[in-house]
């Protein structure tokens, strides 16, 4: 499919489609299961199941799905596996996907989750919370997709309505040379505000989903 918009895969959002620059519906158009259905299914199981082990598993999955939909490179394209077939040259020593999954957090926010979470929470205002929880789930994915397609991220190159793998090569094919993105200190500094924002929104929205489900 054309490299112009993402669709959902279970745990990630990176199938190609031709839906333009935004995600407007919480539906899986190219697969029977996706992040949208994963969130809905696990919320329903938490709400109705009497099996404590199943509910515990669904609670863990729900946190995973909500985290994934807020990580920009999970809202990307299938041919390069959301940046897993894009090398990075710099302090992160892995793929561009890992840069956004782990490296920016560890290098710029810290490796101890408790102080990182405390710092993020202290910077969230009541106004932030009120605004973020009004946005529907498809809006969460669309926010991530807008970050993914930013020129500075270097995930893809905009050509007309598409965002191609690299100039002259619309899609990545396994076996060909992977492109390399220079991820240096300046790159980490430039993009850590996006990571902070995505983590904050994910936490507030996950909490709101659980509070709403539990009737609090």
N, C-alpha and C. Protein backbone atom coordinates (compact mmCIF):
# COMPACT_ATOMS: atom_id res chain seq x y z
N UNK A 1 0.84 -1.19 0.00
CA UNK A 1 0.00 0.00 0.00
C UNK A 1 0.87 1.25 0.00
N UNK A 2 0.31 2.38 -0.39
CA UNK A 2 1.11 3.61 -0.51
C UNK A 2 1.60 4.08 0.84
N UNK A 3 2.79 4.67 0.82
CA UNK A 3 3.41 5.13 2.06
C UNK A 3 2.87 6.53 2.37
N UNK A 4 1.58 6.63 2.71
CA UNK A 4 1.00 7.94 2.97
C UNK A 4 0.25 8.03 4.28
N UNK A 5 -0.08 6.90 4.91
CA UNK A 5 -0.67 6.96 6.24
C UNK A 5 -0.57 5.61 6.91
N UNK A 6 -0.68 5.55 8.25
CA UNK A 6 -0.53 4.29 8.96
C UNK A 6 -1.86 3.61 9.21
N UNK A 7 -1.79 2.33 9.46
CA UNK A 7 -2.92 1.62 10.01
C UNK A 7 -2.42 0.76 11.15
N UNK A 8 -3.35 0.12 11.86
CA UNK A 8 -3.00 -0.52 13.11
C UNK A 8 -2.59 -1.97 12.95
N UNK A 9 -1.52 -2.35 13.65
CA UNK A 9 -1.15 -3.74 13.83
C UNK A 9 -1.15 -4.00 15.32
N UNK A 10 -1.42 -5.22 15.75
CA UNK A 10 -1.55 -5.50 17.19
C UNK A 10 -0.26 -5.09 17.90
N UNK A 11 -0.33 -4.05 18.69
CA UNK A 11 0.84 -3.57 19.40
C UNK A 11 1.54 -2.44 18.68
N UNK A 12 1.33 -2.30 17.38
CA UNK A 12 1.95 -1.21 16.64
C UNK A 12 0.94 -0.64 15.64
N UNK A 13 1.28 0.49 15.06
CA UNK A 13 0.43 1.11 14.03
C UNK A 13 1.33 1.44 12.86
N UNK A 14 1.57 0.48 11.98
CA UNK A 14 2.45 0.79 10.87
C UNK A 14 2.21 -0.07 9.63
N UNK A 15 0.98 -0.05 9.17
CA UNK A 15 0.67 -0.60 7.85
C UNK A 15 0.45 0.58 6.91
N UNK A 16 0.77 0.40 5.63
CA UNK A 16 0.60 1.50 4.68
C UNK A 16 -0.84 1.61 4.22
N UNK A 17 -1.27 2.83 3.92
CA UNK A 17 -2.60 3.08 3.40
C UNK A 17 -2.57 4.34 2.58
N UNK A 18 -3.71 4.80 2.18
CA UNK A 18 -3.79 6.01 1.36
C UNK A 18 -4.83 6.96 1.93
N UNK A 19 -4.77 7.16 3.23
CA UNK A 19 -5.79 7.94 3.92
C UNK A 19 -5.36 9.37 4.18
N UNK A 20 -4.25 9.81 3.59
CA UNK A 20 -3.83 11.19 3.79
C UNK A 20 -2.92 11.36 4.98
N UNK A 21 -3.01 12.51 5.64
CA UNK A 21 -2.05 12.88 6.67
C UNK A 21 -2.57 12.68 8.09
N UNK A 22 -3.81 12.25 8.24
CA UNK A 22 -4.38 12.12 9.58
C UNK A 22 -5.08 10.79 9.76
N UNK A 23 -5.22 10.38 11.01
CA UNK A 23 -5.96 9.18 11.38
C UNK A 23 -7.28 9.67 11.95
N UNK A 24 -8.38 9.27 11.35
CA UNK A 24 -9.67 9.85 11.72
C UNK A 24 -10.63 8.87 12.37
N UNK A 25 -10.36 7.57 12.29
CA UNK A 25 -11.26 6.59 12.89
C UNK A 25 -10.47 5.54 13.66
N UNK A 26 -11.06 5.05 14.74
CA UNK A 26 -10.42 4.01 15.56
C UNK A 26 -10.81 2.64 15.04
N UNK A 27 -10.47 2.38 13.77
CA UNK A 27 -10.80 1.11 13.15
C UNK A 27 -9.56 0.50 12.52
N UNK A 28 -9.56 -0.83 12.43
CA UNK A 28 -8.45 -1.56 11.82
C UNK A 28 -8.84 -1.87 10.38
N UNK A 29 -8.22 -1.19 9.44
CA UNK A 29 -8.62 -1.36 8.05
C UNK A 29 -7.84 -2.46 7.33
N UNK A 30 -6.69 -2.83 7.84
CA UNK A 30 -5.87 -3.81 7.13
C UNK A 30 -5.58 -5.07 7.93
N UNK A 31 -6.14 -5.16 9.14
CA UNK A 31 -5.91 -6.34 9.97
C UNK A 31 -7.09 -6.49 10.93
N UNK A 32 -7.42 -7.72 11.33
CA UNK A 32 -8.55 -7.92 12.24
C UNK A 32 -8.28 -7.43 13.65
N UNK A 33 -7.00 -7.37 14.03
CA UNK A 33 -6.64 -6.91 15.37
C UNK A 33 -5.65 -5.76 15.27
N UNK A 34 -5.77 -4.79 16.17
CA UNK A 34 -4.87 -3.65 16.17
C UNK A 34 -4.88 -3.02 17.55
N UNK A 35 -4.13 -1.95 17.72
CA UNK A 35 -4.13 -1.27 19.00
C UNK A 35 -5.53 -0.82 19.42
N UNK A 36 -6.30 -0.34 18.46
CA UNK A 36 -7.64 0.12 18.79
C UNK A 36 -8.49 -1.02 19.36
N UNK A 37 -8.46 -2.18 18.71
CA UNK A 37 -9.24 -3.30 19.22
C UNK A 37 -8.63 -3.86 20.50
N UNK A 38 -7.29 -3.83 20.59
CA UNK A 38 -6.64 -4.32 21.79
C UNK A 38 -7.07 -3.55 23.03
N UNK A 39 -7.11 -2.23 22.91
CA UNK A 39 -7.55 -1.40 24.04
C UNK A 39 -8.99 -1.71 24.39
N UNK A 40 -9.85 -1.79 23.38
CA UNK A 40 -11.27 -2.05 23.64
C UNK A 40 -11.49 -3.43 24.27
N UNK A 41 -10.81 -4.45 23.74
CA UNK A 41 -10.99 -5.81 24.25
C UNK A 41 -10.52 -5.93 25.69
N UNK A 42 -9.36 -5.37 26.00
CA UNK A 42 -8.84 -5.52 27.36
C UNK A 42 -9.61 -4.66 28.37
N UNK A 43 -10.12 -3.52 27.95
CA UNK A 43 -10.99 -2.74 28.83
C UNK A 43 -12.25 -3.54 29.16
N UNK A 44 -12.84 -4.16 28.13
CA UNK A 44 -14.06 -4.93 28.36
C UNK A 44 -13.80 -6.13 29.26
N UNK A 45 -12.66 -6.79 29.08
CA UNK A 45 -12.34 -7.93 29.94
C UNK A 45 -12.15 -7.48 31.39
N UNK A 46 -11.48 -6.37 31.58
CA UNK A 46 -11.31 -5.86 32.94
C UNK A 46 -12.65 -5.51 33.58
N UNK A 47 -13.59 -5.06 32.74
CA UNK A 47 -14.89 -4.63 33.25
C UNK A 47 -15.78 -5.82 33.60
N UNK A 48 -15.65 -6.92 32.87
CA UNK A 48 -16.65 -7.99 32.99
C UNK A 48 -16.13 -9.32 33.50
N UNK A 49 -14.82 -9.56 33.43
CA UNK A 49 -14.30 -10.88 33.78
C UNK A 49 -14.30 -11.11 35.29
N UNK A 50 -14.49 -12.37 35.66
CA UNK A 50 -14.38 -12.79 37.07
C UNK A 50 -13.11 -13.59 37.30
N UNK A 51 -12.27 -13.66 36.29
CA UNK A 51 -11.00 -14.40 36.36
C UNK A 51 -9.89 -13.42 36.70
N UNK A 52 -9.38 -13.48 37.92
CA UNK A 52 -8.37 -12.51 38.37
C UNK A 52 -7.09 -12.57 37.55
N UNK A 53 -6.67 -13.76 37.13
CA UNK A 53 -5.46 -13.89 36.34
C UNK A 53 -5.64 -13.26 34.95
N UNK A 54 -6.81 -13.48 34.38
CA UNK A 54 -7.09 -12.88 33.07
C UNK A 54 -7.16 -11.36 33.18
N UNK A 55 -7.73 -10.88 34.27
CA UNK A 55 -7.83 -9.43 34.46
C UNK A 55 -6.44 -8.81 34.66
N UNK A 56 -5.58 -9.51 35.39
CA UNK A 56 -4.22 -9.02 35.58
C UNK A 56 -3.49 -8.93 34.25
N UNK A 57 -3.64 -9.97 33.42
CA UNK A 57 -3.01 -9.96 32.10
C UNK A 57 -3.53 -8.81 31.26
N UNK A 58 -4.84 -8.58 31.29
CA UNK A 58 -5.43 -7.51 30.50
C UNK A 58 -4.98 -6.14 30.99
N UNK A 59 -4.81 -6.00 32.30
CA UNK A 59 -4.32 -4.74 32.84
C UNK A 59 -2.92 -4.43 32.31
N UNK A 60 -2.07 -5.45 32.27
CA UNK A 60 -0.72 -5.27 31.73
C UNK A 60 -0.76 -4.95 30.24
N UNK A 61 -1.59 -5.68 29.50
CA UNK A 61 -1.70 -5.41 28.07
C UNK A 61 -2.22 -4.00 27.81
N UNK A 62 -3.19 -3.57 28.60
CA UNK A 62 -3.76 -2.25 28.39
C UNK A 62 -2.70 -1.16 28.55
N UNK A 63 -1.86 -1.30 29.58
CA UNK A 63 -0.77 -0.35 29.74
C UNK A 63 0.18 -0.37 28.56
N UNK A 64 0.42 -1.58 28.03
CA UNK A 64 1.29 -1.72 26.85
C UNK A 64 0.68 -1.04 25.64
N UNK A 65 -0.61 -1.30 25.38
CA UNK A 65 -1.26 -0.71 24.20
C UNK A 65 -1.29 0.81 24.27
N UNK A 66 -1.64 1.34 25.43
CA UNK A 66 -1.71 2.79 25.57
C UNK A 66 -0.32 3.41 25.42
N UNK A 67 0.69 2.74 25.98
CA UNK A 67 2.05 3.23 25.80
C UNK A 67 2.47 3.21 24.34
N UNK A 68 2.15 2.11 23.65
CA UNK A 68 2.54 1.98 22.24
C UNK A 68 1.90 3.05 21.37
N UNK A 69 0.64 3.34 21.60
CA UNK A 69 -0.04 4.29 20.73
C UNK A 69 0.47 5.71 20.93
N UNK A 70 1.18 5.95 22.03
CA UNK A 70 1.77 7.26 22.29
C UNK A 70 3.24 7.33 21.90
N UNK A 71 3.85 6.20 21.53
CA UNK A 71 5.24 6.20 21.07
C UNK A 71 5.23 6.45 19.57
N UNK A 72 5.74 7.59 19.10
CA UNK A 72 5.57 7.96 17.70
C UNK A 72 5.93 6.86 16.68
N UNK A 73 7.03 6.15 16.87
CA UNK A 73 7.41 5.19 15.85
C UNK A 73 6.60 3.90 15.88
N UNK A 74 5.64 3.81 16.80
CA UNK A 74 4.64 2.75 16.71
C UNK A 74 3.50 3.18 15.80
N UNK A 75 3.47 4.42 15.41
CA UNK A 75 2.48 4.91 14.44
C UNK A 75 3.27 5.29 13.20
N UNK A 76 3.58 4.29 12.41
CA UNK A 76 4.55 4.46 11.32
C UNK A 76 4.23 3.46 10.22
N UNK A 77 5.24 2.84 9.59
CA UNK A 77 4.98 2.01 8.43
C UNK A 77 5.57 0.62 8.55
N UNK A 78 4.91 -0.32 7.86
CA UNK A 78 5.23 -1.73 8.05
C UNK A 78 6.54 -2.15 7.39
N UNK A 79 6.87 -1.59 6.24
CA UNK A 79 8.01 -2.11 5.49
C UNK A 79 9.31 -1.96 6.27
N UNK A 80 9.45 -0.88 7.05
CA UNK A 80 10.67 -0.71 7.84
C UNK A 80 10.45 -1.07 9.31
N UNK A 81 9.31 -1.72 9.59
CA UNK A 81 8.97 -2.17 10.94
C UNK A 81 9.04 -1.01 11.95
N UNK A 82 8.45 0.10 11.57
CA UNK A 82 8.40 1.24 12.48
C UNK A 82 9.76 1.76 12.87
N UNK A 83 10.70 1.74 11.93
CA UNK A 83 12.04 2.25 12.19
C UNK A 83 13.02 1.20 12.67
N UNK A 84 12.59 -0.06 12.77
CA UNK A 84 13.52 -1.12 13.16
C UNK A 84 14.51 -1.43 12.04
N UNK A 85 14.17 -1.06 10.79
CA UNK A 85 15.09 -1.21 9.68
C UNK A 85 15.69 0.13 9.27
N UNK A 86 15.89 0.98 10.26
CA UNK A 86 16.63 2.23 10.09
C UNK A 86 17.71 2.24 11.16
N UNK A 87 18.96 2.24 10.74
CA UNK A 87 20.06 2.24 11.69
C UNK A 87 20.27 3.64 12.24
N UNK A 88 20.86 3.70 13.42
CA UNK A 88 21.24 5.01 13.98
C UNK A 88 22.73 5.00 14.26
N UNK A 89 23.35 6.15 14.01
CA UNK A 89 24.77 6.31 14.28
C UNK A 89 24.90 7.31 15.41
N UNK A 90 25.27 6.80 16.59
CA UNK A 90 25.36 7.68 17.74
C UNK A 90 25.40 6.89 19.03
N UNK A 91 24.99 7.51 20.14
CA UNK A 91 25.13 6.88 21.46
C UNK A 91 24.12 5.78 21.75
N UNK A 92 23.13 5.59 20.89
CA UNK A 92 22.08 4.62 21.21
C UNK A 92 22.38 3.22 20.70
N UNK A 93 23.21 3.10 19.68
CA UNK A 93 23.72 1.82 19.19
C UNK A 93 22.60 0.82 18.88
N UNK A 94 21.67 1.23 18.07
CA UNK A 94 20.62 0.29 17.66
C UNK A 94 19.82 0.92 16.54
N UNK A 95 18.52 0.61 16.49
CA UNK A 95 17.66 1.13 15.43
C UNK A 95 17.03 2.46 15.85
N UNK A 96 16.45 3.16 14.89
CA UNK A 96 15.75 4.39 15.20
C UNK A 96 14.54 4.12 16.08
N UNK A 97 13.93 2.95 15.89
CA UNK A 97 12.81 2.59 16.76
C UNK A 97 13.25 2.53 18.22
N UNK A 98 14.39 1.92 18.47
CA UNK A 98 14.89 1.82 19.83
C UNK A 98 15.27 3.17 20.40
N UNK A 99 15.72 4.08 19.55
CA UNK A 99 16.02 5.44 20.00
C UNK A 99 14.80 6.03 20.68
N UNK A 100 13.62 5.84 20.06
CA UNK A 100 12.39 6.42 20.60
C UNK A 100 11.75 5.55 21.67
N UNK A 101 11.98 4.26 21.62
CA UNK A 101 11.46 3.35 22.64
C UNK A 101 12.19 3.53 23.97
N UNK A 102 13.51 3.65 23.90
CA UNK A 102 14.33 3.53 25.10
C UNK A 102 15.36 4.66 25.25
N UNK A 103 16.13 4.90 24.20
CA UNK A 103 17.36 5.68 24.35
C UNK A 103 17.13 7.13 24.78
N UNK A 104 16.17 7.81 24.16
CA UNK A 104 15.92 9.20 24.55
C UNK A 104 15.53 9.27 26.02
N UNK A 105 14.72 8.31 26.46
CA UNK A 105 14.31 8.28 27.86
C UNK A 105 15.50 8.08 28.78
N UNK A 106 16.30 7.06 28.49
CA UNK A 106 17.41 6.74 29.38
C UNK A 106 18.49 7.81 29.37
N UNK A 107 18.78 8.37 28.19
CA UNK A 107 19.86 9.35 28.08
C UNK A 107 19.46 10.72 28.62
N UNK A 108 18.19 11.09 28.47
CA UNK A 108 17.79 12.46 28.81
C UNK A 108 16.86 12.56 30.02
N UNK A 109 16.13 11.50 30.34
CA UNK A 109 15.22 11.55 31.50
C UNK A 109 15.74 10.74 32.67
N UNK A 110 16.42 9.63 32.39
CA UNK A 110 16.97 8.82 33.46
C UNK A 110 16.57 7.37 33.32
N UNK A 111 17.21 6.52 34.10
CA UNK A 111 16.97 5.08 34.03
C UNK A 111 16.14 4.56 35.20
N UNK A 112 15.90 5.39 36.21
CA UNK A 112 15.08 4.99 37.35
C UNK A 112 13.66 5.48 37.11
N UNK A 113 12.70 4.59 36.91
CA UNK A 113 11.35 5.02 36.52
C UNK A 113 10.62 5.87 37.56
N UNK A 114 10.90 5.66 38.84
CA UNK A 114 10.15 6.40 39.85
C UNK A 114 10.43 7.91 39.83
N UNK A 115 11.69 8.35 39.86
CA UNK A 115 11.91 9.80 39.77
C UNK A 115 11.51 10.38 38.42
N UNK A 116 11.64 9.59 37.34
CA UNK A 116 11.20 10.07 36.03
C UNK A 116 9.70 10.31 36.05
N UNK A 117 8.94 9.35 36.57
CA UNK A 117 7.49 9.49 36.64
C UNK A 117 7.09 10.66 37.53
N UNK A 118 7.78 10.82 38.65
CA UNK A 118 7.47 11.92 39.58
C UNK A 118 7.71 13.27 38.92
N UNK A 119 8.82 13.38 38.21
CA UNK A 119 9.13 14.63 37.51
C UNK A 119 8.08 14.94 36.45
N UNK A 120 7.67 13.95 35.69
CA UNK A 120 6.67 14.16 34.66
C UNK A 120 5.33 14.57 35.28
N UNK A 121 4.95 13.89 36.35
CA UNK A 121 3.67 14.16 36.99
C UNK A 121 3.61 15.58 37.55
N UNK A 122 4.72 16.03 38.12
CA UNK A 122 4.75 17.37 38.72
C UNK A 122 4.61 18.48 37.69
N UNK A 123 4.88 18.18 36.43
CA UNK A 123 4.80 19.20 35.39
C UNK A 123 3.46 19.22 34.67
N UNK A 124 2.53 18.35 35.08
CA UNK A 124 1.22 18.29 34.44
C UNK A 124 0.24 19.17 35.18
N UNK A 125 -0.44 20.04 34.46
CA UNK A 125 -1.42 20.94 35.06
C UNK A 125 -2.82 20.34 34.98
N UNK A 126 -3.73 20.90 35.77
CA UNK A 126 -5.13 20.46 35.69
C UNK A 126 -5.71 20.71 34.31
N UNK A 127 -5.27 21.82 33.70
CA UNK A 127 -5.73 22.14 32.35
C UNK A 127 -5.25 21.09 31.35
N UNK A 128 -3.99 20.65 31.51
CA UNK A 128 -3.47 19.59 30.64
C UNK A 128 -4.35 18.35 30.74
N UNK A 129 -4.63 17.92 31.96
CA UNK A 129 -5.42 16.72 32.17
C UNK A 129 -6.79 16.84 31.53
N UNK A 130 -7.44 17.98 31.77
CA UNK A 130 -8.79 18.17 31.25
C UNK A 130 -8.82 18.13 29.72
N UNK A 131 -7.79 18.69 29.10
CA UNK A 131 -7.72 18.70 27.64
C UNK A 131 -7.41 17.33 27.08
N UNK A 132 -6.42 16.66 27.65
CA UNK A 132 -5.95 15.39 27.10
C UNK A 132 -7.02 14.31 27.13
N UNK A 133 -7.84 14.26 28.19
CA UNK A 133 -8.80 13.16 28.31
C UNK A 133 -10.02 13.35 27.41
N UNK A 134 -10.17 14.51 26.80
CA UNK A 134 -11.30 14.73 25.88
C UNK A 134 -11.00 14.23 24.48
N UNK A 135 -9.74 13.93 24.19
CA UNK A 135 -9.34 13.52 22.84
C UNK A 135 -9.59 12.02 22.66
N UNK A 136 -10.29 11.62 21.62
CA UNK A 136 -10.58 10.18 21.41
C UNK A 136 -9.33 9.40 21.05
N UNK A 137 -9.43 8.08 21.11
CA UNK A 137 -8.28 7.21 20.92
C UNK A 137 -7.63 7.42 19.55
N UNK A 138 -8.42 7.60 18.51
CA UNK A 138 -7.82 7.83 17.20
C UNK A 138 -6.99 9.12 17.20
N UNK A 139 -7.37 10.07 18.04
CA UNK A 139 -6.60 11.29 18.18
C UNK A 139 -5.24 11.04 18.81
N UNK A 140 -5.16 10.07 19.72
CA UNK A 140 -3.87 9.73 20.32
C UNK A 140 -2.91 9.24 19.25
N UNK A 141 -3.42 8.35 18.38
CA UNK A 141 -2.60 7.82 17.30
C UNK A 141 -2.20 8.94 16.33
N UNK A 142 -3.12 9.82 16.05
CA UNK A 142 -2.83 10.90 15.11
C UNK A 142 -1.76 11.84 15.66
N UNK A 143 -1.80 12.11 16.97
CA UNK A 143 -0.75 12.93 17.59
C UNK A 143 0.62 12.30 17.35
N UNK A 144 0.70 10.99 17.58
CA UNK A 144 1.98 10.30 17.39
C UNK A 144 2.42 10.35 15.94
N UNK A 145 1.47 10.17 15.02
CA UNK A 145 1.80 10.17 13.60
C UNK A 145 2.35 11.52 13.15
N UNK A 146 1.84 12.59 13.73
CA UNK A 146 2.36 13.92 13.37
C UNK A 146 3.82 14.07 13.81
N UNK A 147 4.17 13.49 14.96
CA UNK A 147 5.57 13.52 15.40
C UNK A 147 6.43 12.65 14.47
N UNK A 148 5.95 11.45 14.16
CA UNK A 148 6.68 10.53 13.30
C UNK A 148 7.08 11.18 11.98
N UNK A 149 6.18 11.97 11.41
CA UNK A 149 6.40 12.54 10.08
C UNK A 149 7.19 13.85 10.11
N UNK A 150 7.58 14.31 11.29
CA UNK A 150 8.36 15.54 11.35
C UNK A 150 9.71 15.36 10.66
N UNK A 151 10.15 16.37 9.95
CA UNK A 151 11.41 16.30 9.22
C UNK A 151 12.57 16.02 10.16
N UNK A 152 12.55 16.61 11.35
CA UNK A 152 13.68 16.47 12.28
C UNK A 152 13.85 15.05 12.79
N UNK A 153 12.77 14.28 12.83
CA UNK A 153 12.84 12.89 13.31
C UNK A 153 13.64 12.03 12.34
N UNK A 154 13.56 12.36 11.04
CA UNK A 154 14.29 11.66 9.97
C UNK A 154 13.83 10.23 9.77
N UNK A 155 12.61 9.95 10.19
CA UNK A 155 12.06 8.61 9.96
C UNK A 155 11.72 8.42 8.49
N UNK A 156 11.10 9.43 7.88
CA UNK A 156 10.72 9.33 6.48
C UNK A 156 10.91 10.69 5.81
N UNK A 157 10.84 10.68 4.50
CA UNK A 157 11.05 11.90 3.70
C UNK A 157 9.74 12.22 2.98
N UNK A 158 9.24 13.39 3.19
CA UNK A 158 7.97 13.77 2.56
C UNK A 158 8.17 14.05 1.07
N UNK A 159 7.36 13.37 0.28
CA UNK A 159 7.33 13.59 -1.17
C UNK A 159 5.86 13.69 -1.55
N UNK A 160 5.37 14.88 -1.80
CA UNK A 160 3.96 15.08 -2.06
C UNK A 160 3.14 14.69 -0.84
N UNK A 161 2.16 13.80 -1.04
CA UNK A 161 1.31 13.36 0.07
C UNK A 161 1.89 12.16 0.79
N UNK A 162 3.01 11.64 0.32
CA UNK A 162 3.61 10.45 0.92
C UNK A 162 4.77 10.83 1.83
N UNK A 163 5.15 9.85 2.64
CA UNK A 163 6.36 10.00 3.45
C UNK A 163 7.19 8.75 3.19
N UNK A 164 8.17 8.85 2.30
CA UNK A 164 8.88 7.69 1.78
C UNK A 164 10.07 7.32 2.65
N UNK A 165 10.55 6.09 2.45
CA UNK A 165 11.67 5.59 3.25
C UNK A 165 12.89 6.49 3.10
N UNK A 166 13.26 6.77 1.87
CA UNK A 166 14.32 7.74 1.61
C UNK A 166 14.17 8.23 0.17
N UNK A 167 14.83 9.30 -0.14
CA UNK A 167 14.71 9.89 -1.47
C UNK A 167 15.05 8.85 -2.53
N UNK A 168 14.13 8.65 -3.49
CA UNK A 168 14.35 7.68 -4.54
C UNK A 168 14.01 6.25 -4.20
N UNK A 169 13.53 6.01 -2.97
CA UNK A 169 13.19 4.66 -2.53
C UNK A 169 11.98 4.75 -1.61
N UNK A 170 10.80 4.49 -2.18
CA UNK A 170 9.58 4.70 -1.40
C UNK A 170 9.46 3.77 -0.22
N UNK A 171 9.78 2.50 -0.42
CA UNK A 171 9.64 1.52 0.66
C UNK A 171 10.92 0.74 0.86
N UNK A 172 11.09 0.23 2.07
CA UNK A 172 12.25 -0.61 2.37
C UNK A 172 11.93 -2.05 2.06
N UNK A 173 12.88 -2.76 1.43
CA UNK A 173 12.75 -4.19 1.17
C UNK A 173 13.87 -4.91 1.91
N UNK A 174 13.51 -5.99 2.61
CA UNK A 174 14.50 -6.73 3.37
C UNK A 174 15.62 -7.21 2.44
N UNK A 175 16.84 -7.05 2.91
CA UNK A 175 18.00 -7.44 2.13
C UNK A 175 18.74 -6.25 1.55
N UNK A 176 18.06 -5.12 1.40
CA UNK A 176 18.74 -3.94 0.89
C UNK A 176 19.41 -3.19 2.04
N UNK A 177 20.31 -2.29 1.70
CA UNK A 177 21.01 -1.53 2.73
C UNK A 177 20.04 -0.63 3.48
N UNK A 178 20.15 -0.64 4.80
CA UNK A 178 19.29 0.20 5.62
C UNK A 178 19.87 1.61 5.68
N UNK A 179 18.98 2.59 5.66
CA UNK A 179 19.47 3.96 5.78
C UNK A 179 19.94 4.20 7.21
N UNK A 180 20.78 5.22 7.37
CA UNK A 180 21.37 5.53 8.67
C UNK A 180 21.01 6.95 9.06
N UNK A 181 20.50 7.12 10.27
CA UNK A 181 20.18 8.44 10.81
C UNK A 181 21.21 8.76 11.90
N UNK A 182 21.78 9.94 11.84
CA UNK A 182 22.74 10.37 12.86
C UNK A 182 21.97 10.84 14.08
N UNK A 183 22.10 10.09 15.14
CA UNK A 183 21.46 10.44 16.40
C UNK A 183 22.56 10.87 17.36
N UNK A 184 22.73 12.18 17.50
CA UNK A 184 23.75 12.72 18.39
C UNK A 184 23.09 13.42 19.57
N UNK A 185 23.89 14.09 20.37
CA UNK A 185 23.34 14.77 21.55
C UNK A 185 22.32 15.82 21.14
N UNK A 186 22.58 16.51 20.04
CA UNK A 186 21.64 17.53 19.57
C UNK A 186 20.29 16.90 19.20
N UNK A 187 20.33 15.72 18.58
CA UNK A 187 19.08 15.02 18.22
C UNK A 187 18.30 14.67 19.49
N UNK A 188 19.00 14.14 20.48
CA UNK A 188 18.33 13.77 21.73
C UNK A 188 17.72 14.99 22.41
N UNK A 189 18.48 16.08 22.46
CA UNK A 189 17.99 17.31 23.08
C UNK A 189 16.76 17.86 22.36
N UNK A 190 16.80 17.79 21.03
CA UNK A 190 15.70 18.34 20.24
C UNK A 190 14.40 17.57 20.43
N UNK A 191 14.51 16.26 20.65
CA UNK A 191 13.31 15.44 20.66
C UNK A 191 12.86 14.99 22.04
N UNK A 192 13.63 15.24 23.07
CA UNK A 192 13.17 14.84 24.40
C UNK A 192 11.89 15.57 24.82
N UNK A 193 11.62 16.81 24.41
CA UNK A 193 10.33 17.42 24.76
C UNK A 193 9.14 16.64 24.20
N UNK A 194 9.29 16.06 23.00
CA UNK A 194 8.21 15.26 22.43
C UNK A 194 8.00 13.99 23.24
N UNK A 195 9.10 13.36 23.66
CA UNK A 195 9.00 12.14 24.45
C UNK A 195 8.35 12.43 25.80
N UNK A 196 8.75 13.51 26.44
CA UNK A 196 8.13 13.90 27.72
C UNK A 196 6.63 14.09 27.54
N UNK A 197 6.25 14.78 26.50
CA UNK A 197 4.84 15.06 26.26
C UNK A 197 4.05 13.78 26.02
N UNK A 198 4.61 12.88 25.22
CA UNK A 198 3.90 11.64 24.91
C UNK A 198 3.75 10.77 26.16
N UNK A 199 4.79 10.72 27.00
CA UNK A 199 4.71 9.94 28.23
C UNK A 199 3.66 10.51 29.18
N UNK A 200 3.62 11.82 29.30
CA UNK A 200 2.64 12.46 30.19
C UNK A 200 1.21 12.18 29.72
N UNK A 201 0.98 12.34 28.44
CA UNK A 201 -0.37 12.10 27.92
C UNK A 201 -0.78 10.64 28.09
N UNK A 202 0.17 9.73 27.84
CA UNK A 202 -0.14 8.30 27.99
C UNK A 202 -0.55 7.98 29.42
N UNK A 203 0.19 8.50 30.39
CA UNK A 203 -0.12 8.21 31.78
C UNK A 203 -1.48 8.75 32.21
N UNK A 204 -1.77 9.97 31.83
CA UNK A 204 -3.05 10.57 32.20
C UNK A 204 -4.20 9.83 31.54
N UNK A 205 -4.04 9.49 30.29
CA UNK A 205 -5.12 8.82 29.57
C UNK A 205 -5.34 7.39 30.05
N UNK A 206 -4.26 6.69 30.39
CA UNK A 206 -4.41 5.35 30.94
C UNK A 206 -5.15 5.42 32.27
N UNK A 207 -4.76 6.37 33.13
CA UNK A 207 -5.44 6.54 34.41
C UNK A 207 -6.91 6.86 34.23
N UNK A 208 -7.22 7.70 33.25
CA UNK A 208 -8.61 8.07 33.00
C UNK A 208 -9.42 6.88 32.51
N UNK A 209 -8.82 6.06 31.63
CA UNK A 209 -9.51 4.85 31.16
C UNK A 209 -9.87 3.94 32.34
N UNK A 210 -8.91 3.75 33.24
CA UNK A 210 -9.15 2.85 34.38
C UNK A 210 -10.14 3.46 35.35
N UNK A 211 -10.04 4.75 35.62
CA UNK A 211 -10.98 5.40 36.53
C UNK A 211 -12.40 5.36 35.98
N UNK A 212 -12.52 5.59 34.68
CA UNK A 212 -13.84 5.57 34.06
C UNK A 212 -14.43 4.16 34.09
N UNK A 213 -13.59 3.16 33.83
CA UNK A 213 -14.05 1.79 33.83
C UNK A 213 -14.50 1.35 35.22
N UNK A 214 -13.78 1.84 36.23
CA UNK A 214 -14.09 1.45 37.61
C UNK A 214 -15.14 2.35 38.25
N UNK A 215 -15.60 3.34 37.49
CA UNK A 215 -16.66 4.20 37.98
C UNK A 215 -16.21 5.22 39.00
N UNK A 216 -14.94 5.64 38.91
CA UNK A 216 -14.42 6.63 39.85
C UNK A 216 -14.31 8.00 39.19
